[in-house]
Amino acid sequence: MRSISESRLGTWQRILVEGPSRRDASELMGRTECNRVVNFEAPTKLKDKLVGKLVDVRITEVMHYSLKGSLV
């Protein structure tokens, strides 16, 4: 599974935003089309508006069970 996650590094992924990250409330959490968890930072005033929406995120880091990204 790690090789699948590593193949996403540096790519743009469409994410369905589910809500705040479980480990870091300053980040949002969503899932890719292939169900990989992605945590990413978003401007505070946009966080509530993004939940339930599809957003584009660039994958910047591969973690053990998830990916980290930055909002496009």
N, C-alpha and C. Protein backbone atom coordinates (compact mmCIF):
# COMPACT_ATOMS: atom_id res chain seq x y z
N MET A 1 0.81 -1.19 0.00
CA MET A 1 0.00 0.00 0.00
C MET A 1 0.86 1.26 0.00
N ARG A 2 2.00 1.21 0.62
CA ARG A 2 2.85 2.40 0.67
C ARG A 2 3.28 2.82 -0.73
N SER A 3 3.53 1.86 -1.61
CA SER A 3 3.96 2.22 -2.96
C SER A 3 2.84 2.96 -3.71
N ILE A 4 1.59 2.61 -3.44
CA ILE A 4 0.47 3.33 -4.05
C ILE A 4 0.46 4.76 -3.54
N SER A 5 0.63 4.93 -2.23
CA SER A 5 0.66 6.27 -1.66
C SER A 5 1.85 7.07 -2.20
N GLU A 6 3.00 6.45 -2.30
CA GLU A 6 4.19 7.14 -2.80
C GLU A 6 4.02 7.57 -4.25
N SER A 7 3.23 6.82 -5.02
CA SER A 7 3.01 7.20 -6.42
C SER A 7 2.17 8.47 -6.53
N ARG A 8 1.51 8.87 -5.46
CA ARG A 8 0.69 10.09 -5.44
C ARG A 8 1.50 11.35 -5.10
N LEU A 9 2.72 11.17 -4.58
CA LEU A 9 3.56 12.28 -4.16
C LEU A 9 3.80 13.25 -5.32
N GLY A 10 3.53 14.53 -5.09
CA GLY A 10 3.73 15.55 -6.11
C GLY A 10 2.57 15.72 -7.07
N THR A 11 1.55 14.89 -6.96
CA THR A 11 0.41 14.97 -7.87
C THR A 11 -0.69 15.85 -7.29
N TRP A 12 -1.60 16.25 -8.14
CA TRP A 12 -2.80 16.97 -7.73
C TRP A 12 -3.90 15.94 -7.60
N GLN A 13 -4.60 15.94 -6.49
CA GLN A 13 -5.68 14.99 -6.25
C GLN A 13 -6.96 15.74 -5.91
N ARG A 14 -8.07 15.24 -6.40
CA ARG A 14 -9.37 15.79 -6.03
C ARG A 14 -9.79 15.11 -4.73
N ILE A 15 -10.09 15.91 -3.71
CA ILE A 15 -10.36 15.42 -2.36
C ILE A 15 -11.79 15.78 -1.97
N LEU A 16 -12.50 14.83 -1.37
CA LEU A 16 -13.78 15.13 -0.74
C LEU A 16 -13.49 15.45 0.72
N VAL A 17 -13.72 16.69 1.12
CA VAL A 17 -13.39 17.15 2.47
C VAL A 17 -14.45 16.62 3.44
N GLU A 18 -13.98 15.91 4.49
CA GLU A 18 -14.89 15.30 5.46
C GLU A 18 -15.00 16.11 6.75
N GLY A 19 -13.96 16.85 7.12
CA GLY A 19 -13.99 17.63 8.35
C GLY A 19 -12.60 17.85 8.89
N PRO A 20 -12.51 18.24 10.17
CA PRO A 20 -11.20 18.48 10.76
C PRO A 20 -10.40 17.19 10.90
N SER A 21 -9.09 17.32 10.84
CA SER A 21 -8.19 16.19 11.05
C SER A 21 -8.33 15.70 12.49
N ARG A 22 -8.24 14.40 12.69
CA ARG A 22 -8.35 13.83 14.04
C ARG A 22 -7.16 14.21 14.91
N ARG A 23 -5.99 14.36 14.32
CA ARG A 23 -4.78 14.63 15.11
C ARG A 23 -4.43 16.10 15.22
N ASP A 24 -4.90 16.92 14.28
CA ASP A 24 -4.53 18.33 14.28
C ASP A 24 -5.74 19.15 13.83
N ALA A 25 -6.38 19.81 14.77
CA ALA A 25 -7.60 20.56 14.48
C ALA A 25 -7.36 21.74 13.54
N SER A 26 -6.09 22.11 13.34
CA SER A 26 -5.81 23.21 12.42
C SER A 26 -5.83 22.75 10.96
N GLU A 27 -5.94 21.45 10.74
CA GLU A 27 -5.97 20.89 9.40
C GLU A 27 -7.34 20.29 9.10
N LEU A 28 -7.63 20.17 7.80
CA LEU A 28 -8.82 19.46 7.36
C LEU A 28 -8.42 18.09 6.86
N MET A 29 -9.37 17.17 6.85
CA MET A 29 -9.14 15.81 6.37
C MET A 29 -10.14 15.50 5.27
N GLY A 30 -9.65 14.81 4.25
CA GLY A 30 -10.51 14.37 3.18
C GLY A 30 -9.97 13.08 2.60
N ARG A 31 -10.65 12.58 1.57
CA ARG A 31 -10.23 11.33 0.93
C ARG A 31 -10.14 11.52 -0.57
N THR A 32 -9.16 10.82 -1.16
CA THR A 32 -9.00 10.83 -2.60
C THR A 32 -10.04 9.90 -3.22
N GLU A 33 -10.09 9.89 -4.54
CA GLU A 33 -11.01 8.99 -5.24
C GLU A 33 -10.69 7.52 -4.96
N CYS A 34 -9.43 7.23 -4.60
CA CYS A 34 -9.05 5.85 -4.26
C CYS A 34 -9.03 5.63 -2.75
N ASN A 35 -9.73 6.50 -2.01
CA ASN A 35 -9.99 6.36 -0.58
C ASN A 35 -8.77 6.56 0.32
N ARG A 36 -7.74 7.26 -0.15
CA ARG A 36 -6.59 7.57 0.68
C ARG A 36 -6.90 8.82 1.51
N VAL A 37 -6.58 8.79 2.79
CA VAL A 37 -6.80 9.93 3.68
C VAL A 37 -5.73 10.99 3.40
N VAL A 38 -6.18 12.24 3.27
CA VAL A 38 -5.28 13.36 3.03
C VAL A 38 -5.59 14.45 4.06
N ASN A 39 -4.57 14.91 4.77
CA ASN A 39 -4.69 16.02 5.71
C ASN A 39 -4.02 17.22 5.07
N PHE A 40 -4.67 18.39 5.20
CA PHE A 40 -4.12 19.60 4.60
C PHE A 40 -4.60 20.83 5.37
N GLU A 41 -3.79 21.88 5.31
CA GLU A 41 -4.14 23.15 5.95
C GLU A 41 -5.02 23.95 5.01
N ALA A 42 -5.93 24.71 5.63
CA ALA A 42 -6.81 25.60 4.87
C ALA A 42 -7.00 26.88 5.66
N PRO A 43 -7.25 27.98 5.00
CA PRO A 43 -7.51 29.23 5.73
C PRO A 43 -8.67 29.06 6.71
N THR A 44 -8.54 29.62 7.89
CA THR A 44 -9.53 29.46 8.95
C THR A 44 -10.93 29.82 8.49
N LYS A 45 -11.08 30.91 7.77
CA LYS A 45 -12.42 31.35 7.37
C LYS A 45 -13.05 30.45 6.30
N LEU A 46 -12.26 29.59 5.66
CA LEU A 46 -12.79 28.68 4.65
C LEU A 46 -13.11 27.29 5.17
N LYS A 47 -12.61 26.95 6.34
CA LYS A 47 -12.71 25.57 6.82
C LYS A 47 -14.14 25.04 6.85
N ASP A 48 -15.06 25.79 7.43
CA ASP A 48 -16.45 25.32 7.51
C ASP A 48 -17.10 25.24 6.13
N LYS A 49 -16.70 26.11 5.23
CA LYS A 49 -17.28 26.13 3.89
C LYS A 49 -16.80 24.98 3.02
N LEU A 50 -15.63 24.42 3.33
CA LEU A 50 -15.06 23.36 2.50
C LEU A 50 -15.59 21.97 2.83
N VAL A 51 -16.12 21.78 4.03
CA VAL A 51 -16.61 20.45 4.43
C VAL A 51 -17.75 20.04 3.49
N GLY A 52 -17.61 18.83 2.93
CA GLY A 52 -18.60 18.31 2.00
C GLY A 52 -18.34 18.68 0.55
N LYS A 53 -17.30 19.46 0.31
CA LYS A 53 -16.96 19.92 -1.05
C LYS A 53 -15.79 19.12 -1.61
N LEU A 54 -15.68 19.15 -2.93
CA LEU A 54 -14.52 18.59 -3.62
C LEU A 54 -13.52 19.72 -3.84
N VAL A 55 -12.27 19.49 -3.43
CA VAL A 55 -11.22 20.48 -3.61
C VAL A 55 -9.99 19.80 -4.21
N ASP A 56 -9.14 20.59 -4.85
CA ASP A 56 -7.88 20.08 -5.39
C ASP A 56 -6.77 20.32 -4.38
N VAL A 57 -6.00 19.27 -4.13
CA VAL A 57 -4.91 19.32 -3.17
C VAL A 57 -3.67 18.73 -3.83
N ARG A 58 -2.53 19.37 -3.63
CA ARG A 58 -1.25 18.84 -4.12
C ARG A 58 -0.65 18.02 -3.00
N ILE A 59 -0.31 16.77 -3.28
CA ILE A 59 0.24 15.86 -2.27
C ILE A 59 1.72 16.21 -2.07
N THR A 60 2.06 16.54 -0.82
CA THR A 60 3.41 17.01 -0.51
C THR A 60 4.21 16.04 0.34
N GLU A 61 3.53 15.10 0.99
CA GLU A 61 4.24 14.19 1.90
C GLU A 61 3.46 12.89 2.05
N VAL A 62 4.18 11.78 2.14
CA VAL A 62 3.57 10.47 2.37
C VAL A 62 3.83 10.08 3.82
N MET A 63 2.77 9.90 4.57
CA MET A 63 2.86 9.46 5.95
C MET A 63 2.60 7.94 5.98
N HIS A 64 2.66 7.35 7.16
CA HIS A 64 2.49 5.90 7.26
C HIS A 64 1.08 5.46 6.82
N TYR A 65 0.05 6.14 7.31
CA TYR A 65 -1.32 5.76 6.99
C TYR A 65 -2.10 6.83 6.25
N SER A 66 -1.46 7.91 5.91
CA SER A 66 -2.17 9.00 5.25
C SER A 66 -1.21 9.80 4.38
N LEU A 67 -1.77 10.82 3.73
CA LEU A 67 -0.99 11.73 2.92
C LEU A 67 -1.16 13.14 3.47
N LYS A 68 -0.18 14.00 3.23
CA LYS A 68 -0.30 15.41 3.59
C LYS A 68 -0.29 16.19 2.29
N GLY A 69 -1.03 17.28 2.28
CA GLY A 69 -1.09 18.05 1.05
C GLY A 69 -1.28 19.52 1.33
N SER A 70 -1.34 20.28 0.24
CA SER A 70 -1.61 21.72 0.34
C SER A 70 -2.73 22.06 -0.63
N LEU A 71 -3.61 22.90 -0.16
CA LEU A 71 -4.77 23.31 -0.94
C LEU A 71 -4.33 24.11 -2.16
N VAL A 72 -4.93 23.81 -3.28
CA VAL A 72 -4.59 24.51 -4.53
C VAL A 72 -5.37 25.80 -4.59
